[in-house]
Amino acid sequence: MRKLFLGKPWHWALFCTLTGLLWWAGTAKLHVIHFNSFLLVLSLGSLALVVLVVRTTKPEEQVTREKLDEGKSDNAGTE
């Protein structure tokens, strides 16, 4: 399972919590009745999730399926 779900278990718990929060906002029709509140919840929740994951991930930890080659340019043939 560790190869399937990369990252720490509590990162996945945060993701599930945010998903649940957004599900609740959808069932409460928050995106229709109080659109500004919905956007605030969506933006702050997503920002908090990204910041927490980035701050708690060590530089040597693998967070993607394939290793990233940082020396290779993305637009290598367009020069």
C-alpha atoms as a PDB file:
ATOM      1  CA  MET A   1       0.000   0.000   0.000  1.00  0.00           C
ATOM      2  CA  ARG A   2       2.927   2.347   0.590  1.00  0.00           C
ATOM      3  CA  LYS A   3       3.735   2.264  -3.133  1.00  0.00           C
ATOM      4  CA  LEU A   4       0.115   2.994  -4.012  1.00  0.00           C
ATOM      5  CA  PHE A   5      -0.468   5.835  -1.537  1.00  0.00           C
ATOM      6  CA  LEU A   6       2.666   7.972  -1.469  1.00  0.00           C
ATOM      7  CA  GLY A   7       3.040  10.378   1.421  1.00  0.00           C
ATOM      8  CA  LYS A   8       2.276  10.267   5.093  1.00  0.00           C
ATOM      9  CA  PRO A   9      -1.011   8.770   6.321  1.00  0.00           C
ATOM     10  CA  TRP A  10      -2.046  12.020   7.985  1.00  0.00           C
ATOM     11  CA  HIS A  11      -1.631  13.824   4.630  1.00  0.00           C
ATOM     12  CA  TRP A  12      -4.299  11.469   3.286  1.00  0.00           C
ATOM     13  CA  ALA A  13      -6.425  12.093   6.394  1.00  0.00           C
ATOM     14  CA  LEU A  14      -6.214  15.848   5.739  1.00  0.00           C
ATOM     15  CA  PHE A  15      -7.231  15.274   2.132  1.00  0.00           C
ATOM     16  CA  CYS A  16     -10.223  13.181   3.245  1.00  0.00           C
ATOM     17  CA  THR A  17     -11.185  15.870   5.769  1.00  0.00           C
ATOM     18  CA  LEU A  18     -11.075  18.579   3.098  1.00  0.00           C
ATOM     19  CA  THR A  19     -13.088  16.365   0.748  1.00  0.00           C
ATOM     20  CA  GLY A  20     -15.674  15.847   3.490  1.00  0.00           C
ATOM     21  CA  LEU A  21     -15.821  19.576   4.161  1.00  0.00           C
ATOM     22  CA  LEU A  22     -16.414  20.314   0.495  1.00  0.00           C
ATOM     23  CA  TRP A  23     -19.023  17.535   0.294  1.00  0.00           C
ATOM     24  CA  TRP A  24     -20.837  19.125   3.233  1.00  0.00           C
ATOM     25  CA  ALA A  25     -20.666  22.531   1.536  1.00  0.00           C
ATOM     26  CA  GLY A  26     -22.176  21.006  -1.599  1.00  0.00           C
ATOM     27  CA  THR A  27     -25.032  19.268   0.207  1.00  0.00           C
ATOM     28  CA  ALA A  28     -25.783  22.496   2.098  1.00  0.00           C
ATOM     29  CA  LYS A  29     -25.975  24.213  -1.314  1.00  0.00           C
ATOM     30  CA  LEU A  30     -23.384  26.660  -0.062  1.00  0.00           C
ATOM     31  CA  HIS A  31     -22.051  27.077  -3.612  1.00  0.00           C
ATOM     32  CA  VAL A  32     -25.491  28.382  -4.671  1.00  0.00           C
ATOM     33  CA  ILE A  33     -26.782  30.280  -1.644  1.00  0.00           C
ATOM     34  CA  HIS A  34     -23.560  31.711  -0.157  1.00  0.00           C
ATOM     35  CA  PHE A  35     -21.062  31.596  -3.003  1.00  0.00           C
ATOM     36  CA  ASN A  36     -18.496  33.859  -1.302  1.00  0.00           C
ATOM     37  CA  SER A  37     -18.452  31.644   1.792  1.00  0.00           C
ATOM     38  CA  PHE A  38     -18.038  28.574  -0.405  1.00  0.00           C
ATOM     39  CA  LEU A  39     -15.071  30.110  -2.214  1.00  0.00           C
ATOM     40  CA  LEU A  40     -13.513  31.120   1.092  1.00  0.00           C
ATOM     41  CA  VAL A  41     -13.844  27.572   2.492  1.00  0.00           C
ATOM     42  CA  LEU A  42     -12.516  26.071  -0.748  1.00  0.00           C
ATOM     43  CA  SER A  43      -9.558  28.453  -1.041  1.00  0.00           C
ATOM     44  CA  LEU A  44      -8.479  28.428   2.601  1.00  0.00           C
ATOM     45  CA  GLY A  45      -8.918  24.668   2.941  1.00  0.00           C
ATOM     46  CA  SER A  46      -6.896  23.960  -0.201  1.00  0.00           C
ATOM     47  CA  LEU A  47      -4.196  26.452   0.748  1.00  0.00           C
ATOM     48  CA  ALA A  48      -3.896  25.016   4.255  1.00  0.00           C
ATOM     49  CA  LEU A  49      -3.648  21.476   2.871  1.00  0.00           C
ATOM     50  CA  VAL A  50      -0.904  22.379   0.385  1.00  0.00           C
ATOM     51  CA  VAL A  51       1.080  24.384   2.960  1.00  0.00           C
ATOM     52  CA  LEU A  52       0.907  21.603   5.561  1.00  0.00           C
ATOM     53  CA  VAL A  53       1.974  18.936   3.076  1.00  0.00           C
ATOM     54  CA  VAL A  54       4.861  21.007   1.697  1.00  0.00           C
ATOM     55  CA  ARG A  55       6.065  22.080   5.166  1.00  0.00           C
ATOM     56  CA  THR A  56       6.066  18.541   6.579  1.00  0.00           C
ATOM     57  CA  THR A  57       7.646  16.737   3.621  1.00  0.00           C
ATOM     58  CA  LYS A  58      11.409  16.295   3.810  1.00  0.00           C
ATOM     59  CA  PRO A  59      13.398  17.105   0.647  1.00  0.00           C
ATOM     60  CA  GLU A  60      14.595  13.482   0.223  1.00  0.00           C
ATOM     61  CA  GLU A  61      11.113  11.933   0.509  1.00  0.00           C
ATOM     62  CA  GLN A  62       9.497  10.584  -2.639  1.00  0.00           C
ATOM     63  CA  VAL A  63       6.174  12.296  -3.329  1.00  0.00           C
ATOM     64  CA  THR A  64       5.716  11.363  -7.005  1.00  0.00           C
ATOM     65  CA  ARG A  65       5.560   8.028  -8.792  1.00  0.00           C
ATOM     66  CA  GLU A  66       8.695   8.636 -10.845  1.00  0.00           C
ATOM     67  CA  LYS A  67      11.878  10.287  -9.699  1.00  0.00           C
ATOM     68  CA  LEU A  68      12.187  13.890 -10.884  1.00  0.00           C
ATOM     69  CA  ASP A  69      15.318  14.753 -12.830  1.00  0.00           C
ATOM     70  CA  GLU A  70      15.968  18.298 -11.675  1.00  0.00           C
ATOM     71  CA  GLY A  71      18.845  18.849 -14.094  1.00  0.00           C
ATOM     72  CA  LYS A  72      16.710  18.253 -17.179  1.00  0.00           C
ATOM     73  CA  SER A  73      14.793  21.160 -18.683  1.00  0.00           C
ATOM     74  CA  ASP A  74      11.087  20.777 -19.504  1.00  0.00           C
ATOM     75  CA  ASN A  75      11.482  22.434 -22.879  1.00  0.00           C
ATOM     76  CA  ALA A  76      14.596  20.502 -23.952  1.00  0.00           C
ATOM     77  CA  GLY A  77      14.308  20.502 -27.769  1.00  0.00           C
ATOM     78  CA  THR A  78      12.958  24.006 -28.203  1.00  0.00           C
ATOM     79  CA  GLU A  79      16.283  25.829 -27.844  1.00  0.00           C
END
